[in-house]
Amino acid sequence: MLSVVATPIGNLGDISFRALESLKSVDYILSEDTRVFKKLAIKYEISTKVVSFHSHSGEQKINQIIKDLQSGKQIALVSDAGTPLISDPGFSLVSACRKNDIQVSPIPGATSIVAALSACGFPADKFMYLGFFPAKKGRQTLAKKMAESEYTCVFLESVHRIGKTLQLISEHFDDERLICVAREITKIHEEFKIFQVKDLENELKSLTLKGEFVIMVAPSGFNFI
């Protein structure tokens, strides 16, 4: 069986008892970056063998993992932070498991998207998740779709492109549209900045350019009660 194990997005105290039990009992752990996982392993005394598995892992490695699973080995898959496959590696492996009738079991936990939505105050009963905002192709098209959406739109962005991306999407929104920028969620310097499009320039000047960002755009016409 392959266990897809969610790990903390920042605060290591957010690990679940079930996740720790799984990580300590499997035959080996597949980790996006073994150096990152080592911090969690040290804190919780996880001595299980750790094997690198990331977005560049090829078909040969996946085939070997499938063989191990078919032989009865128990394996856990983790990403650097949060829930694997949600804008993180793992899709090719999980898909291969399903193709080969291998059991895949999720061990749920933190994900930055849901954590950000739960605290921003925008409608979250329905939302559209867009993954990482395109670096080149499709930026204008996606911004237009967001402007037309009746749901809260959520996407991820890196520290290097956050300013340009916010300026780009704001060109498609009215001045009153609300945007929430969340960063360092669950960490010491956790920050939620909520502002209207018309205030974007001033907000960008005071934005701390550190960490990974979760951006939420409220539906058109929404405002706090």
N, C-alpha and C. Protein backbone atom coordinates (compact mmCIF):
# COMPACT_ATOMS: atom_id res chain seq x y z
N MET A 1 0.84 -1.20 0.00
CA MET A 1 0.00 0.00 0.00
C MET A 1 0.87 1.25 0.00
N LEU A 2 0.41 2.25 -0.74
CA LEU A 2 1.06 3.56 -0.72
C LEU A 2 0.23 4.50 0.13
N SER A 3 0.86 5.10 1.14
CA SER A 3 0.18 6.10 1.97
C SER A 3 0.63 7.49 1.54
N VAL A 4 -0.33 8.33 1.20
CA VAL A 4 -0.04 9.72 0.82
C VAL A 4 -0.20 10.55 2.09
N VAL A 5 0.92 10.98 2.65
CA VAL A 5 0.94 11.56 3.99
C VAL A 5 1.15 13.07 3.96
N ALA A 6 0.20 13.80 4.51
CA ALA A 6 0.33 15.25 4.63
C ALA A 6 1.24 15.58 5.81
N THR A 7 2.14 16.54 5.59
CA THR A 7 3.05 16.99 6.64
C THR A 7 2.81 18.49 6.88
N PRO A 8 3.34 19.05 7.96
CA PRO A 8 3.09 20.47 8.27
C PRO A 8 3.53 21.42 7.16
N ILE A 9 2.83 22.54 7.03
CA ILE A 9 3.20 23.56 6.04
C ILE A 9 4.17 24.57 6.62
N GLY A 10 4.42 24.49 7.91
CA GLY A 10 5.34 25.43 8.54
C GLY A 10 5.64 25.01 9.97
N ASN A 11 4.63 25.09 10.81
CA ASN A 11 4.76 24.72 12.22
C ASN A 11 4.78 23.20 12.35
N LEU A 12 5.90 22.65 12.80
CA LEU A 12 6.05 21.19 12.87
C LEU A 12 5.09 20.54 13.86
N GLY A 13 4.47 21.34 14.71
CA GLY A 13 3.49 20.81 15.66
C GLY A 13 2.18 20.40 15.02
N ASP A 14 2.02 20.73 13.73
CA ASP A 14 0.76 20.42 13.04
C ASP A 14 0.72 19.02 12.45
N ILE A 15 1.68 18.18 12.74
CA ILE A 15 1.67 16.80 12.25
C ILE A 15 0.62 16.00 13.02
N SER A 16 -0.04 15.06 12.37
CA SER A 16 -1.06 14.26 13.05
C SER A 16 -0.45 12.99 13.65
N PHE A 17 -1.15 12.42 14.64
CA PHE A 17 -0.68 11.18 15.26
C PHE A 17 -0.65 10.06 14.22
N ARG A 18 -1.65 10.03 13.36
CA ARG A 18 -1.73 8.98 12.35
C ARG A 18 -0.60 9.11 11.34
N ALA A 19 -0.26 10.35 10.98
CA ALA A 19 0.85 10.56 10.04
C ALA A 19 2.16 10.05 10.63
N LEU A 20 2.41 10.36 11.91
CA LEU A 20 3.63 9.89 12.56
C LEU A 20 3.67 8.37 12.64
N GLU A 21 2.53 7.77 12.96
CA GLU A 21 2.46 6.31 13.04
C GLU A 21 2.82 5.68 11.69
N SER A 22 2.29 6.26 10.63
CA SER A 22 2.57 5.74 9.29
C SER A 22 4.04 5.91 8.92
N LEU A 23 4.58 7.09 9.15
CA LEU A 23 5.97 7.37 8.78
C LEU A 23 6.97 6.50 9.54
N LYS A 24 6.58 6.09 10.72
CA LYS A 24 7.49 5.26 11.53
C LYS A 24 7.35 3.77 11.22
N SER A 25 6.25 3.38 10.58
CA SER A 25 5.99 1.95 10.40
C SER A 25 6.20 1.43 8.98
N VAL A 26 6.25 2.33 7.99
CA VAL A 26 6.40 1.87 6.60
C VAL A 26 7.82 1.36 6.35
N ASP A 27 7.99 0.68 5.21
CA ASP A 27 9.30 0.15 4.85
C ASP A 27 10.24 1.27 4.43
N TYR A 28 9.72 2.25 3.70
CA TYR A 28 10.51 3.44 3.41
C TYR A 28 9.61 4.60 3.01
N ILE A 29 10.20 5.80 3.06
CA ILE A 29 9.47 7.04 2.80
C ILE A 29 10.00 7.68 1.52
N LEU A 30 9.09 8.09 0.65
CA LEU A 30 9.46 8.84 -0.55
C LEU A 30 9.31 10.32 -0.23
N SER A 31 10.40 11.07 -0.35
CA SER A 31 10.39 12.47 0.05
C SER A 31 10.83 13.37 -1.10
N GLU A 32 10.13 14.50 -1.27
CA GLU A 32 10.47 15.46 -2.32
C GLU A 32 11.90 15.97 -2.15
N ASP A 33 12.27 16.31 -0.93
CA ASP A 33 13.64 16.76 -0.62
C ASP A 33 14.01 16.15 0.72
N THR A 34 14.92 15.20 0.72
CA THR A 34 15.27 14.48 1.94
C THR A 34 15.84 15.41 3.01
N ARG A 35 16.47 16.52 2.58
CA ARG A 35 17.04 17.46 3.55
C ARG A 35 15.94 18.18 4.32
N VAL A 36 14.86 18.50 3.62
CA VAL A 36 13.72 19.16 4.26
C VAL A 36 13.04 18.20 5.23
N PHE A 37 12.85 16.96 4.79
CA PHE A 37 12.17 15.97 5.63
C PHE A 37 12.99 15.66 6.89
N LYS A 38 14.29 15.80 6.80
CA LYS A 38 15.17 15.48 7.93
C LYS A 38 14.80 16.28 9.18
N LYS A 39 14.34 17.52 9.01
CA LYS A 39 13.95 18.35 10.16
C LYS A 39 12.80 17.70 10.92
N LEU A 40 11.82 17.21 10.16
CA LEU A 40 10.67 16.54 10.78
C LEU A 40 11.10 15.23 11.40
N ALA A 41 11.98 14.51 10.71
CA ALA A 41 12.44 13.22 11.21
C ALA A 41 13.19 13.36 12.54
N ILE A 42 14.01 14.37 12.64
CA ILE A 42 14.77 14.60 13.87
C ILE A 42 13.84 14.96 15.03
N LYS A 43 12.89 15.84 14.76
CA LYS A 43 11.98 16.30 15.82
C LYS A 43 11.16 15.15 16.39
N TYR A 44 10.70 14.23 15.51
CA TYR A 44 9.80 13.17 15.95
C TYR A 44 10.46 11.78 15.95
N GLU A 45 11.78 11.76 15.87
CA GLU A 45 12.55 10.52 15.97
C GLU A 45 12.06 9.47 14.97
N ILE A 46 11.94 9.88 13.73
CA ILE A 46 11.54 8.98 12.65
C ILE A 46 12.82 8.41 12.03
N SER A 47 13.04 7.12 12.21
CA SER A 47 14.28 6.50 11.74
C SER A 47 14.09 5.71 10.44
N THR A 48 12.91 5.76 9.87
CA THR A 48 12.61 5.04 8.63
C THR A 48 13.51 5.50 7.49
N LYS A 49 13.89 4.58 6.62
CA LYS A 49 14.69 4.92 5.45
C LYS A 49 13.94 5.93 4.57
N VAL A 50 14.65 6.94 4.07
CA VAL A 50 14.05 7.98 3.23
C VAL A 50 14.69 7.95 1.85
N VAL A 51 13.85 7.93 0.82
CA VAL A 51 14.31 7.88 -0.57
C VAL A 51 13.80 9.12 -1.30
N SER A 52 14.65 9.72 -2.10
CA SER A 52 14.27 10.91 -2.85
C SER A 52 13.26 10.58 -3.95
N PHE A 53 12.18 11.37 -4.02
CA PHE A 53 11.21 11.25 -5.10
C PHE A 53 10.64 12.64 -5.36
N HIS A 54 10.87 13.16 -6.57
CA HIS A 54 10.47 14.54 -6.89
C HIS A 54 9.92 14.62 -8.30
N SER A 55 9.67 15.84 -8.76
CA SER A 55 9.03 16.04 -10.06
C SER A 55 9.87 15.55 -11.24
N HIS A 56 11.17 15.36 -11.03
CA HIS A 56 12.04 14.91 -12.11
C HIS A 56 12.34 13.41 -12.03
N SER A 57 11.73 12.73 -11.07
CA SER A 57 11.93 11.28 -10.96
C SER A 57 11.31 10.60 -12.18
N GLY A 58 12.08 9.76 -12.83
CA GLY A 58 11.65 9.18 -14.10
C GLY A 58 10.85 7.89 -13.98
N GLU A 59 10.51 7.37 -15.14
CA GLU A 59 9.69 6.15 -15.23
C GLU A 59 10.37 4.95 -14.58
N GLN A 60 11.69 4.88 -14.70
CA GLN A 60 12.42 3.76 -14.12
C GLN A 60 12.24 3.71 -12.60
N LYS A 61 12.29 4.86 -11.96
CA LYS A 61 12.13 4.91 -10.51
C LYS A 61 10.70 4.55 -10.11
N ILE A 62 9.75 5.07 -10.86
CA ILE A 62 8.34 4.76 -10.58
C ILE A 62 8.10 3.26 -10.72
N ASN A 63 8.64 2.66 -11.76
CA ASN A 63 8.48 1.21 -11.97
C ASN A 63 9.05 0.41 -10.81
N GLN A 64 10.19 0.86 -10.26
CA GLN A 64 10.79 0.15 -9.13
C GLN A 64 9.90 0.27 -7.89
N ILE A 65 9.34 1.44 -7.68
CA ILE A 65 8.45 1.65 -6.53
C ILE A 65 7.21 0.76 -6.68
N ILE A 66 6.67 0.69 -7.89
CA ILE A 66 5.50 -0.17 -8.14
C ILE A 66 5.83 -1.63 -7.84
N LYS A 67 7.01 -2.07 -8.24
CA LYS A 67 7.44 -3.45 -7.96
C LYS A 67 7.52 -3.69 -6.45
N ASP A 68 8.06 -2.71 -5.73
CA ASP A 68 8.17 -2.84 -4.28
C ASP A 68 6.77 -2.95 -3.65
N LEU A 69 5.87 -2.13 -4.13
CA LEU A 69 4.50 -2.16 -3.60
C LEU A 69 3.82 -3.50 -3.92
N GLN A 70 4.04 -4.00 -5.12
CA GLN A 70 3.44 -5.28 -5.52
C GLN A 70 4.01 -6.44 -4.72
N SER A 71 5.23 -6.28 -4.23
CA SER A 71 5.84 -7.34 -3.43
C SER A 71 5.38 -7.30 -1.98
N GLY A 72 4.58 -6.29 -1.64
CA GLY A 72 4.02 -6.22 -0.30
C GLY A 72 4.60 -5.15 0.60
N LYS A 73 5.53 -4.37 0.08
CA LYS A 73 6.12 -3.31 0.90
C LYS A 73 5.12 -2.18 1.14
N GLN A 74 5.25 -1.57 2.31
CA GLN A 74 4.44 -0.42 2.68
C GLN A 74 5.29 0.84 2.49
N ILE A 75 4.78 1.80 1.73
CA ILE A 75 5.56 2.99 1.40
C ILE A 75 4.73 4.24 1.67
N ALA A 76 5.40 5.28 2.16
CA ALA A 76 4.73 6.57 2.40
C ALA A 76 5.30 7.61 1.46
N LEU A 77 4.43 8.47 0.97
CA LEU A 77 4.84 9.57 0.09
C LEU A 77 4.60 10.89 0.80
N VAL A 78 5.64 11.74 0.87
CA VAL A 78 5.49 13.07 1.47
C VAL A 78 6.07 14.11 0.52
N SER A 79 5.59 15.35 0.65
CA SER A 79 6.18 16.46 -0.09
C SER A 79 6.96 17.31 0.91
N ASP A 80 7.53 18.41 0.46
CA ASP A 80 8.29 19.26 1.37
C ASP A 80 7.40 19.85 2.46
N ALA A 81 6.16 20.14 2.10
CA ALA A 81 5.22 20.74 3.06
C ALA A 81 3.80 20.55 2.57
N GLY A 82 2.90 20.22 3.48
CA GLY A 82 1.50 20.10 3.13
C GLY A 82 1.13 18.76 2.54
N THR A 83 0.11 18.77 1.70
CA THR A 83 -0.44 17.54 1.13
C THR A 83 0.17 17.24 -0.23
N PRO A 84 0.79 16.06 -0.40
CA PRO A 84 1.37 15.70 -1.69
C PRO A 84 0.34 15.78 -2.82
N LEU A 85 0.83 16.08 -4.03
CA LEU A 85 0.05 16.20 -5.26
C LEU A 85 -0.68 17.52 -5.41
N ILE A 86 -0.93 18.26 -4.31
CA ILE A 86 -1.60 19.55 -4.43
C ILE A 86 -0.53 20.59 -4.76
N SER A 87 -0.29 20.75 -6.06
CA SER A 87 0.81 21.59 -6.59
C SER A 87 2.17 21.09 -6.10
N ASP A 88 2.25 19.79 -5.85
CA ASP A 88 3.49 19.13 -5.44
C ASP A 88 3.63 17.82 -6.21
N PRO A 89 4.82 17.22 -6.23
CA PRO A 89 5.03 15.97 -6.97
C PRO A 89 4.18 14.81 -6.43
N GLY A 90 4.00 13.79 -7.27
CA GLY A 90 3.34 12.57 -6.81
C GLY A 90 2.27 12.03 -7.74
N PHE A 91 1.75 12.88 -8.63
CA PHE A 91 0.66 12.46 -9.51
C PHE A 91 1.01 11.22 -10.33
N SER A 92 2.20 11.22 -10.93
CA SER A 92 2.59 10.10 -11.79
C SER A 92 2.65 8.79 -11.02
N LEU A 93 3.09 8.86 -9.78
CA LEU A 93 3.18 7.64 -8.96
C LEU A 93 1.80 7.15 -8.54
N VAL A 94 0.98 8.04 -8.05
CA VAL A 94 -0.37 7.65 -7.61
C VAL A 94 -1.17 7.12 -8.79
N SER A 95 -1.02 7.76 -9.94
CA SER A 95 -1.71 7.30 -11.15
C SER A 95 -1.25 5.89 -11.54
N ALA A 96 0.06 5.65 -11.43
CA ALA A 96 0.60 4.32 -11.74
C ALA A 96 0.09 3.27 -10.76
N CYS A 97 -0.06 3.66 -9.51
CA CYS A 97 -0.61 2.73 -8.50
C CYS A 97 -2.04 2.34 -8.86
N ARG A 98 -2.84 3.32 -9.22
CA ARG A 98 -4.23 3.04 -9.58
C ARG A 98 -4.31 2.16 -10.82
N LYS A 99 -3.42 2.41 -11.77
CA LYS A 99 -3.39 1.62 -13.00
C LYS A 99 -3.06 0.16 -12.70
N ASN A 100 -2.24 -0.06 -11.65
CA ASN A 100 -1.81 -1.41 -11.29
C ASN A 100 -2.61 -2.00 -10.13
N ASP A 101 -3.75 -1.38 -9.82
CA ASP A 101 -4.63 -1.88 -8.75
C ASP A 101 -3.93 -1.98 -7.40
N ILE A 102 -3.05 -1.02 -7.13
CA ILE A 102 -2.37 -0.96 -5.84
C ILE A 102 -3.13 0.02 -4.94
N GLN A 103 -3.36 -0.37 -3.72
CA GLN A 103 -4.12 0.48 -2.80
C GLN A 103 -3.35 1.76 -2.47
N VAL A 104 -4.06 2.89 -2.54
CA VAL A 104 -3.50 4.19 -2.16
C VAL A 104 -4.39 4.76 -1.07
N SER A 105 -3.79 5.09 0.06
CA SER A 105 -4.58 5.60 1.18
C SER A 105 -4.08 6.98 1.61
N PRO A 106 -4.98 7.99 1.65
CA PRO A 106 -4.56 9.32 2.09
C PRO A 106 -4.54 9.44 3.60
N ILE A 107 -3.52 10.09 4.11
CA ILE A 107 -3.47 10.44 5.53
C ILE A 107 -3.49 11.97 5.56
N PRO A 108 -4.68 12.54 5.72
CA PRO A 108 -4.86 13.98 5.51
C PRO A 108 -4.23 14.84 6.59
N GLY A 109 -4.06 16.10 6.22
CA GLY A 109 -3.48 17.07 7.15
C GLY A 109 -3.46 18.44 6.51
N ALA A 110 -2.41 19.17 6.79
CA ALA A 110 -2.34 20.57 6.35
C ALA A 110 -2.22 20.72 4.84
N THR A 111 -2.82 21.81 4.34
CA THR A 111 -2.59 22.29 2.99
C THR A 111 -2.72 23.80 3.04
N SER A 112 -1.79 24.50 2.44
CA SER A 112 -1.76 25.97 2.57
C SER A 112 -3.01 26.62 1.99
N ILE A 113 -3.59 26.01 0.96
CA ILE A 113 -4.77 26.59 0.31
C ILE A 113 -5.94 26.67 1.27
N VAL A 114 -6.28 25.54 1.88
CA VAL A 114 -7.42 25.49 2.80
C VAL A 114 -7.14 26.31 4.05
N ALA A 115 -5.90 26.25 4.53
CA ALA A 115 -5.54 27.05 5.72
C ALA A 115 -5.75 28.53 5.45
N ALA A 116 -5.32 29.00 4.29
CA ALA A 116 -5.46 30.40 3.93
C ALA A 116 -6.93 30.78 3.77
N LEU A 117 -7.69 29.93 3.10
CA LEU A 117 -9.12 30.20 2.90
C LEU A 117 -9.87 30.29 4.23
N SER A 118 -9.50 29.44 5.17
CA SER A 118 -10.22 29.39 6.44
C SER A 118 -10.05 30.65 7.27
N ALA A 119 -8.99 31.43 6.97
CA ALA A 119 -8.69 32.60 7.80
C ALA A 119 -8.83 33.94 7.08
N CYS A 120 -9.10 33.92 5.77
CA CYS A 120 -9.11 35.19 5.04
C CYS A 120 -10.45 35.91 5.10
N GLY A 121 -11.53 35.17 5.33
CA GLY A 121 -12.83 35.82 5.44
C GLY A 121 -13.60 35.94 4.13
N PHE A 122 -13.03 35.42 3.04
CA PHE A 122 -13.74 35.40 1.76
C PHE A 122 -14.63 34.16 1.69
N PRO A 123 -15.66 34.16 0.84
CA PRO A 123 -16.52 32.97 0.71
C PRO A 123 -15.69 31.73 0.38
N ALA A 124 -15.92 30.65 1.13
CA ALA A 124 -15.11 29.44 0.94
C ALA A 124 -15.98 28.20 0.75
N ASP A 125 -17.30 28.39 0.65
CA ASP A 125 -18.17 27.24 0.40
C ASP A 125 -17.98 26.71 -1.01
N LYS A 126 -17.60 27.61 -1.93
CA LYS A 126 -17.20 27.24 -3.28
C LYS A 126 -15.99 28.09 -3.64
N PHE A 127 -14.97 27.48 -4.22
CA PHE A 127 -13.81 28.27 -4.64
C PHE A 127 -13.14 27.59 -5.83
N MET A 128 -12.34 28.34 -6.55
CA MET A 128 -11.63 27.83 -7.71
C MET A 128 -10.13 27.89 -7.43
N TYR A 129 -9.51 26.71 -7.40
CA TYR A 129 -8.07 26.65 -7.15
C TYR A 129 -7.33 26.56 -8.47
N LEU A 130 -6.31 27.41 -8.66
CA LEU A 130 -5.64 27.55 -9.94
C LEU A 130 -4.17 27.12 -9.92
N GLY A 131 -3.72 26.57 -8.79
CA GLY A 131 -2.32 26.15 -8.71
C GLY A 131 -1.38 27.34 -8.74
N PHE A 132 -0.16 27.12 -9.23
CA PHE A 132 0.79 28.22 -9.38
C PHE A 132 0.40 29.06 -10.59
N PHE A 133 0.42 30.37 -10.44
CA PHE A 133 0.09 31.24 -11.55
C PHE A 133 1.12 31.04 -12.66
N PRO A 134 0.69 30.97 -13.93
CA PRO A 134 1.63 30.72 -15.03
C PRO A 134 2.77 31.74 -15.03
N ALA A 135 3.97 31.24 -15.30
CA ALA A 135 5.14 32.13 -15.34
C ALA A 135 5.19 32.92 -16.64
N LYS A 136 4.72 32.31 -17.73
CA LYS A 136 4.79 33.00 -19.04
C LYS A 136 3.47 32.90 -19.78
N LYS A 137 3.24 31.74 -20.42
CA LYS A 137 2.05 31.57 -21.25
C LYS A 137 0.77 31.52 -20.42
N GLY A 138 -0.29 32.16 -20.91
CA GLY A 138 -1.60 32.02 -20.30
C GLY A 138 -1.90 32.97 -19.15
N ARG A 139 -1.01 33.89 -18.85
CA ARG A 139 -1.21 34.79 -17.70
C ARG A 139 -2.45 35.69 -17.90
N GLN A 140 -2.54 36.31 -19.07
CA GLN A 140 -3.66 37.21 -19.35
C GLN A 140 -4.98 36.44 -19.38
N THR A 141 -4.96 35.29 -20.01
CA THR A 141 -6.18 34.47 -20.11
C THR A 141 -6.69 34.06 -18.74
N LEU A 142 -5.79 33.65 -17.86
CA LEU A 142 -6.19 33.23 -16.52
C LEU A 142 -6.71 34.41 -15.71
N ALA A 143 -6.08 35.55 -15.85
CA ALA A 143 -6.54 36.75 -15.13
C ALA A 143 -7.97 37.11 -15.54
N LYS A 144 -8.28 36.98 -16.82
CA LYS A 144 -9.64 37.27 -17.30
C LYS A 144 -10.65 36.29 -16.73
N LYS A 145 -10.27 35.00 -16.66
CA LYS A 145 -11.16 33.99 -16.09
C LYS A 145 -11.45 34.29 -14.62
N MET A 146 -10.42 34.73 -13.90
CA MET A 146 -10.61 35.07 -12.49
C MET A 146 -11.57 36.25 -12.34
N ALA A 147 -11.44 37.22 -13.23
CA ALA A 147 -12.30 38.41 -13.17
C ALA A 147 -13.76 38.04 -13.39
N GLU A 148 -13.99 37.00 -14.19
CA GLU A 148 -15.36 36.58 -14.51
C GLU A 148 -15.93 35.56 -13.54
N SER A 149 -15.09 35.02 -12.66
CA SER A 149 -15.53 33.94 -11.77
C SER A 149 -16.47 34.45 -10.67
N GLU A 150 -17.48 33.64 -10.38
CA GLU A 150 -18.41 33.97 -9.30
C GLU A 150 -17.95 33.39 -7.97
N TYR A 151 -16.80 32.71 -7.99
CA TYR A 151 -16.25 32.09 -6.79
C TYR A 151 -14.96 32.78 -6.36
N THR A 152 -14.58 32.56 -5.11
CA THR A 152 -13.27 33.00 -4.65
C THR A 152 -12.21 32.23 -5.43
N CYS A 153 -11.23 32.94 -5.97
CA CYS A 153 -10.15 32.31 -6.73
C CYS A 153 -8.90 32.25 -5.86
N VAL A 154 -8.23 31.11 -5.89
CA VAL A 154 -7.04 30.90 -5.06
C VAL A 154 -5.90 30.42 -5.94
N PHE A 155 -4.73 31.01 -5.77
CA PHE A 155 -3.56 30.53 -6.50
C PHE A 155 -2.30 30.77 -5.68
N LEU A 156 -1.22 30.14 -6.11
CA LEU A 156 0.07 30.25 -5.43
C LEU A 156 1.01 31.09 -6.29
N GLU A 157 1.94 31.77 -5.64
CA GLU A 157 2.92 32.56 -6.37
C GLU A 157 4.22 32.62 -5.60
N SER A 158 5.32 32.75 -6.34
CA SER A 158 6.64 32.82 -5.73
C SER A 158 7.00 34.25 -5.37
N VAL A 159 8.00 34.38 -4.55
CA VAL A 159 8.45 35.70 -4.09
C VAL A 159 8.96 36.55 -5.25
N HIS A 160 9.47 35.90 -6.28
CA HIS A 160 10.08 36.63 -7.40
C HIS A 160 9.05 37.25 -8.35
N ARG A 161 7.83 36.69 -8.38
CA ARG A 161 6.84 37.17 -9.34
C ARG A 161 5.61 37.79 -8.70
N ILE A 162 5.54 37.82 -7.38
CA ILE A 162 4.33 38.26 -6.70
C ILE A 162 3.90 39.66 -7.12
N GLY A 163 4.83 40.60 -7.20
CA GLY A 163 4.49 41.98 -7.55
C GLY A 163 3.92 42.10 -8.94
N LYS A 164 4.60 41.53 -9.93
CA LYS A 164 4.15 41.59 -11.31
C LYS A 164 2.81 40.90 -11.50
N THR A 165 2.64 39.77 -10.82
CA THR A 165 1.38 39.02 -10.97
C THR A 165 0.21 39.79 -10.38
N LEU A 166 0.38 40.38 -9.22
CA LEU A 166 -0.70 41.17 -8.62
C LEU A 166 -1.06 42.36 -9.49
N GLN A 167 -0.07 43.00 -10.05
CA GLN A 167 -0.34 44.13 -10.94
C GLN A 167 -1.09 43.69 -12.19
N LEU A 168 -0.70 42.53 -12.72
CA LEU A 168 -1.35 42.01 -13.92
C LEU A 168 -2.82 41.70 -13.67
N ILE A 169 -3.11 40.93 -12.61
CA ILE A 169 -4.50 40.53 -12.40
C ILE A 169 -5.37 41.72 -12.03
N SER A 170 -4.78 42.72 -11.35
CA SER A 170 -5.56 43.88 -10.93
C SER A 170 -6.06 44.70 -12.12
N GLU A 171 -5.39 44.57 -13.25
CA GLU A 171 -5.81 45.29 -14.46
C GLU A 171 -7.17 44.82 -14.96
N HIS A 172 -7.57 43.63 -14.53
CA HIS A 172 -8.83 43.04 -15.01
C HIS A 172 -9.96 43.18 -13.99
N PHE A 173 -9.67 43.76 -12.82
CA PHE A 173 -10.68 43.87 -11.76
C PHE A 173 -11.09 45.32 -11.54
N ASP A 174 -12.30 45.49 -10.99
CA ASP A 174 -12.72 46.84 -10.61
C ASP A 174 -11.99 47.27 -9.34
N ASP A 175 -11.99 48.56 -9.06
CA ASP A 175 -11.21 49.11 -7.94
C ASP A 175 -11.62 48.58 -6.58
N GLU A 176 -12.86 48.12 -6.45
CA GLU A 176 -13.37 47.67 -5.15
C GLU A 176 -13.09 46.20 -4.88
N ARG A 177 -12.59 45.47 -5.85
CA ARG A 177 -12.38 44.02 -5.70
C ARG A 177 -11.39 43.75 -4.57
N LEU A 178 -11.71 42.80 -3.73
CA LEU A 178 -10.85 42.47 -2.58
C LEU A 178 -9.83 41.38 -2.91
N ILE A 179 -8.61 41.59 -2.45
CA ILE A 179 -7.53 40.61 -2.62
C ILE A 179 -6.94 40.32 -1.24
N CYS A 180 -6.62 39.06 -1.01
CA CYS A 180 -5.93 38.69 0.24
C CYS A 180 -4.62 38.00 -0.12
N VAL A 181 -3.54 38.48 0.46
CA VAL A 181 -2.22 37.88 0.26
C VAL A 181 -1.79 37.25 1.59
N ALA A 182 -1.61 35.94 1.59
CA ALA A 182 -1.20 35.23 2.81
C ALA A 182 0.20 34.67 2.62
N ARG A 183 1.02 34.78 3.65
CA ARG A 183 2.39 34.25 3.57
C ARG A 183 2.82 33.71 4.93
N GLU A 184 3.78 32.79 4.91
CA GLU A 184 4.35 32.20 6.14
C GLU A 184 3.26 31.62 7.05
N ILE A 185 2.26 30.99 6.46
CA ILE A 185 1.12 30.46 7.23
C ILE A 185 1.61 29.43 8.24
N THR A 186 1.16 29.57 9.47
CA THR A 186 1.48 28.76 10.67
C THR A 186 2.86 29.05 11.24
N LYS A 187 3.63 29.93 10.60
CA LYS A 187 4.97 30.24 11.10
C LYS A 187 4.95 31.51 11.96
N ILE A 188 6.08 31.87 12.52
CA ILE A 188 6.18 33.01 13.42
C ILE A 188 5.75 34.30 12.74
N HIS A 189 6.13 34.48 11.49
CA HIS A 189 5.84 35.73 10.78
C HIS A 189 4.63 35.61 9.87
N GLU A 190 3.67 34.80 10.27
CA GLU A 190 2.43 34.64 9.51
C GLU A 190 1.79 36.00 9.25
N GLU A 191 1.32 36.18 8.00
CA GLU A 191 0.77 37.48 7.64
C GLU A 191 -0.38 37.32 6.64
N PHE A 192 -1.48 38.04 6.90
CA PHE A 192 -2.60 38.13 5.97
C PHE A 192 -2.82 39.61 5.67
N LYS A 193 -2.67 39.98 4.41
CA LYS A 193 -2.93 41.36 4.01
C LYS A 193 -4.16 41.37 3.10
N ILE A 194 -5.18 42.12 3.50
CA ILE A 194 -6.42 42.21 2.72
C ILE A 194 -6.63 43.66 2.30
N PHE A 195 -6.85 43.84 1.00
CA PHE A 195 -6.97 45.22 0.49
C PHE A 195 -7.79 45.22 -0.80
N GLN A 196 -8.23 46.41 -1.19
CA GLN A 196 -8.93 46.57 -2.45
C GLN A 196 -7.93 46.85 -3.57
N VAL A 197 -8.33 46.56 -4.78
CA VAL A 197 -7.45 46.73 -5.93
C VAL A 197 -6.92 48.16 -6.02
N LYS A 198 -7.75 49.12 -5.68
CA LYS A 198 -7.33 50.53 -5.77
C LYS A 198 -6.18 50.87 -4.83
N ASP A 199 -5.95 50.01 -3.83
CA ASP A 199 -4.87 50.25 -2.86
C ASP A 199 -3.63 49.38 -3.14
N LEU A 200 -3.64 48.71 -4.28
CA LEU A 200 -2.58 47.76 -4.57
C LEU A 200 -1.17 48.36 -4.52
N GLU A 201 -0.98 49.50 -5.13
CA GLU A 201 0.35 50.11 -5.18
C GLU A 201 0.94 50.33 -3.80
N ASN A 202 0.15 50.88 -2.90
CA ASN A 202 0.62 51.12 -1.53
C ASN A 202 0.90 49.82 -0.79
N GLU A 203 0.04 48.82 -1.02
CA GLU A 203 0.21 47.54 -0.33
C GLU A 203 1.47 46.82 -0.80
N LEU A 204 1.78 46.94 -2.08
CA LEU A 204 2.98 46.30 -2.60
C LEU A 204 4.25 46.87 -1.97
N LYS A 205 4.22 48.14 -1.67
CA LYS A 205 5.39 48.79 -1.07
C LYS A 205 5.69 48.24 0.33
N SER A 206 4.64 47.82 1.02
CA SER A 206 4.82 47.33 2.40
C SER A 206 4.83 45.81 2.48
N LEU A 207 4.73 45.14 1.33
CA LEU A 207 4.68 43.68 1.33
C LEU A 207 6.05 43.08 1.60
N THR A 208 6.12 42.17 2.55
CA THR A 208 7.38 41.48 2.86
C THR A 208 7.63 40.41 1.82
N LEU A 209 8.70 40.54 1.09
CA LEU A 209 8.99 39.60 0.01
C LEU A 209 9.81 38.43 0.53
N LYS A 210 9.11 37.52 1.19
CA LYS A 210 9.76 36.34 1.75
C LYS A 210 8.73 35.22 1.85
N GLY A 211 9.16 34.02 1.51
CA GLY A 211 8.27 32.87 1.63
C GLY A 211 7.45 32.63 0.37
N GLU A 212 6.55 31.68 0.46
CA GLU A 212 5.63 31.37 -0.64
C GLU A 212 4.28 32.00 -0.33
N PHE A 213 3.62 32.51 -1.37
CA PHE A 213 2.39 33.25 -1.17
C PHE A 213 1.16 32.47 -1.63
N VAL A 214 0.09 32.59 -0.86
CA VAL A 214 -1.22 32.13 -1.29
C VAL A 214 -2.06 33.38 -1.53
N ILE A 215 -2.57 33.53 -2.76
CA ILE A 215 -3.34 34.71 -3.12
C ILE A 215 -4.80 34.31 -3.29
N MET A 216 -5.69 35.09 -2.69
CA MET A 216 -7.12 34.86 -2.84
C MET A 216 -7.79 36.13 -3.36
N VAL A 217 -8.64 35.95 -4.36
CA VAL A 217 -9.40 37.07 -4.93
C VAL A 217 -10.87 36.81 -4.66
N ALA A 218 -11.51 37.72 -3.97
CA ALA A 218 -12.92 37.55 -3.62
C ALA A 218 -13.79 37.69 -4.87
N PRO A 219 -14.99 37.09 -4.85
CA PRO A 219 -15.91 37.25 -5.98
C PRO A 219 -16.29 38.71 -6.18
N SER A 220 -16.61 39.08 -7.38
CA SER A 220 -17.01 40.46 -7.67
C SER A 220 -18.22 40.83 -6.85
N GLY A 221 -18.19 42.00 -6.25
CA GLY A 221 -19.31 42.50 -5.45
C GLY A 221 -19.25 42.11 -3.99
N PHE A 222 -18.33 41.19 -3.62
CA PHE A 222 -18.25 40.77 -2.21
C PHE A 222 -17.58 41.84 -1.37
N ASN A 223 -18.11 42.04 -0.18
CA ASN A 223 -17.46 42.86 0.82
C ASN A 223 -17.80 42.32 2.18
N PHE A 224 -16.99 42.64 3.20
CA PHE A 224 -17.26 42.14 4.53
C PHE A 224 -18.54 42.75 5.09
N ILE A 225 -19.31 41.94 5.79
CA ILE A 225 -20.58 42.40 6.36
C ILE A 225 -20.32 43.44 7.45
